[in-house]
Amino acid sequence: MKQREQYQRGGLRKEAREKGAVWVLQWRERDGQDMVRRKQRIGTVADLPTKAAALKACEFLRSTINRGASVPRTVEELGSPLHKK
């Protein structure tokens, strides 16, 4: 049975560092059969003071997280248990 692809937005959080707090985007992706955690530094809290500003700054990166995932267009593609026979 083929495993269902996952679509995700990632999670944004602050991390404390020696030179000041930074915004970090975290997500998971499949590497073969394993799920691997990834993270990318977005910017400093001094440069991006609000979460909204940090989300706007990582918009492009968030769009690239799901490049390999296909978005289901119909209920049948979703695999709804109501339509399986």
C-alpha atoms as a PDB file:
ATOM      1  CA  MET A   1       0.000   0.000   0.000  1.00  0.00           C
ATOM      2  CA  LYS A   2       1.346   3.400  -0.969  1.00  0.00           C
ATOM      3  CA  GLN A   3       1.868   5.723   1.972  1.00  0.00           C
ATOM      4  CA  ARG A   4      -0.125   8.924   1.900  1.00  0.00           C
ATOM      5  CA  GLU A   5       1.893  12.067   1.187  1.00  0.00           C
ATOM      6  CA  GLN A   6       1.859  14.735   3.866  1.00  0.00           C
ATOM      7  CA  TYR A   7       1.388  18.434   3.313  1.00  0.00           C
ATOM      8  CA  GLN A   8       2.725  20.740   5.985  1.00  0.00           C
ATOM      9  CA  ARG A   9       3.422  24.373   6.761  1.00  0.00           C
ATOM     10  CA  GLY A  10       6.244  23.869   9.220  1.00  0.00           C
ATOM     11  CA  GLY A  11       6.458  25.427  12.660  1.00  0.00           C
ATOM     12  CA  LEU A  12       7.970  28.777  13.529  1.00  0.00           C
ATOM     13  CA  ARG A  13       9.531  29.386  16.931  1.00  0.00           C
ATOM     14  CA  LYS A  14      12.110  31.493  18.729  1.00  0.00           C
ATOM     15  CA  GLU A  15      15.426  29.992  19.784  1.00  0.00           C
ATOM     16  CA  ALA A  16      17.818  31.582  22.249  1.00  0.00           C
ATOM     17  CA  ARG A  17      21.372  31.981  20.960  1.00  0.00           C
ATOM     18  CA  GLU A  18      24.505  33.569  22.405  1.00  0.00           C
ATOM     19  CA  LYS A  19      24.209  36.627  20.154  1.00  0.00           C
ATOM     20  CA  GLY A  20      20.457  37.002  20.670  1.00  0.00           C
ATOM     21  CA  ALA A  21      17.193  35.217  19.908  1.00  0.00           C
ATOM     22  CA  VAL A  22      16.447  34.057  16.358  1.00  0.00           C
ATOM     23  CA  TRP A  23      13.376  32.818  14.490  1.00  0.00           C
ATOM     24  CA  VAL A  24      13.651  29.209  13.285  1.00  0.00           C
ATOM     25  CA  LEU A  25      11.352  27.329  10.906  1.00  0.00           C
ATOM     26  CA  GLN A  26      11.108  23.588  11.606  1.00  0.00           C
ATOM     27  CA  TRP A  27       9.563  20.834   9.503  1.00  0.00           C
ATOM     28  CA  ARG A  28       9.846  17.109   8.862  1.00  0.00           C
ATOM     29  CA  GLU A  29      10.446  15.344   5.585  1.00  0.00           C
ATOM     30  CA  ARG A  30      10.756  11.783   4.441  1.00  0.00           C
ATOM     31  CA  ASP A  31      14.259  10.481   3.710  1.00  0.00           C
ATOM     32  CA  GLY A  32      13.702   7.023   2.314  1.00  0.00           C
ATOM     33  CA  GLN A  33      11.634   5.247   4.969  1.00  0.00           C
ATOM     34  CA  ASP A  34      12.653   7.570   7.820  1.00  0.00           C
ATOM     35  CA  MET A  35      11.204  10.903   8.873  1.00  0.00           C
ATOM     36  CA  VAL A  36      13.923  13.530   9.351  1.00  0.00           C
ATOM     37  CA  ARG A  37      13.587  16.800  11.248  1.00  0.00           C
ATOM     38  CA  ARG A  38      14.860  19.856   9.434  1.00  0.00           C
ATOM     39  CA  LYS A  39      15.217  23.474  10.522  1.00  0.00           C
ATOM     40  CA  GLN A  40      16.277  26.736   8.955  1.00  0.00           C
ATOM     41  CA  ARG A  41      17.172  30.033  10.612  1.00  0.00           C
ATOM     42  CA  ILE A  42      14.892  32.817   9.356  1.00  0.00           C
ATOM     43  CA  GLY A  43      16.357  35.898  11.053  1.00  0.00           C
ATOM     44  CA  THR A  44      16.976  37.600  14.355  1.00  0.00           C
ATOM     45  CA  VAL A  45      14.189  38.768  16.627  1.00  0.00           C
ATOM     46  CA  ALA A  46      15.787  42.234  16.462  1.00  0.00           C
ATOM     47  CA  ASP A  47      15.277  42.300  12.665  1.00  0.00           C
ATOM     48  CA  LEU A  48      11.869  40.571  12.746  1.00  0.00           C
ATOM     49  CA  PRO A  49      10.233  41.704  16.009  1.00  0.00           C
ATOM     50  CA  THR A  50       6.836  39.992  15.500  1.00  0.00           C
ATOM     51  CA  LYS A  51       5.823  36.473  14.570  1.00  0.00           C
ATOM     52  CA  ALA A  52       3.854  37.905  11.639  1.00  0.00           C
ATOM     53  CA  ALA A  53       7.015  39.513  10.251  1.00  0.00           C
ATOM     54  CA  ALA A  54       8.922  36.241  10.633  1.00  0.00           C
ATOM     55  CA  LEU A  55       6.142  34.297   8.881  1.00  0.00           C
ATOM     56  CA  LYS A  56       6.237  36.734   5.987  1.00  0.00           C
ATOM     57  CA  ALA A  57      10.027  36.388   5.765  1.00  0.00           C
ATOM     58  CA  CYS A  58       9.862  32.590   5.532  1.00  0.00           C
ATOM     59  CA  GLU A  59       6.970  32.443   3.041  1.00  0.00           C
ATOM     60  CA  PHE A  60       9.135  31.248   0.133  1.00  0.00           C
ATOM     61  CA  LEU A  61      10.894  28.622   2.235  1.00  0.00           C
ATOM     62  CA  ARG A  62       7.538  27.337   3.472  1.00  0.00           C
ATOM     63  CA  SER A  63       6.379  26.936  -0.124  1.00  0.00           C
ATOM     64  CA  THR A  64       9.435  24.809  -0.972  1.00  0.00           C
ATOM     65  CA  ILE A  65       8.863  22.364   1.906  1.00  0.00           C
ATOM     66  CA  ASN A  66       6.045  20.647   0.006  1.00  0.00           C
ATOM     67  CA  ARG A  67       7.435  20.663  -3.522  1.00  0.00           C
ATOM     68  CA  GLY A  68       7.375  16.865  -3.730  1.00  0.00           C
ATOM     69  CA  ALA A  69       3.916  16.484  -2.185  1.00  0.00           C
ATOM     70  CA  SER A  70       0.861  16.468  -4.398  1.00  0.00           C
ATOM     71  CA  VAL A  71      -2.292  18.141  -3.162  1.00  0.00           C
ATOM     72  CA  PRO A  72      -5.417  15.958  -3.557  1.00  0.00           C
ATOM     73  CA  ARG A  73      -8.025  17.541  -5.799  1.00  0.00           C
ATOM     74  CA  THR A  74     -10.998  15.206  -5.254  1.00  0.00           C
ATOM     75  CA  VAL A  75     -12.509  13.267  -2.379  1.00  0.00           C
ATOM     76  CA  GLU A  76     -11.435  10.016  -4.039  1.00  0.00           C
ATOM     77  CA  GLU A  77      -7.812  11.201  -4.157  1.00  0.00           C
ATOM     78  CA  LEU A  78      -8.067  12.050  -0.476  1.00  0.00           C
ATOM     79  CA  GLY A  79      -8.880   8.419   0.206  1.00  0.00           C
ATOM     80  CA  SER A  80     -12.078   9.064   2.096  1.00  0.00           C
ATOM     81  CA  PRO A  81     -13.248   5.904   3.903  1.00  0.00           C
ATOM     82  CA  LEU A  82     -16.823   6.765   2.831  1.00  0.00           C
ATOM     83  CA  HIS A  83     -15.975   6.229  -0.830  1.00  0.00           C
ATOM     84  CA  LYS A  84     -13.855   3.090  -0.522  1.00  0.00           C
ATOM     85  CA  LYS A  85     -15.600  -0.182  -1.372  1.00  0.00           C
END
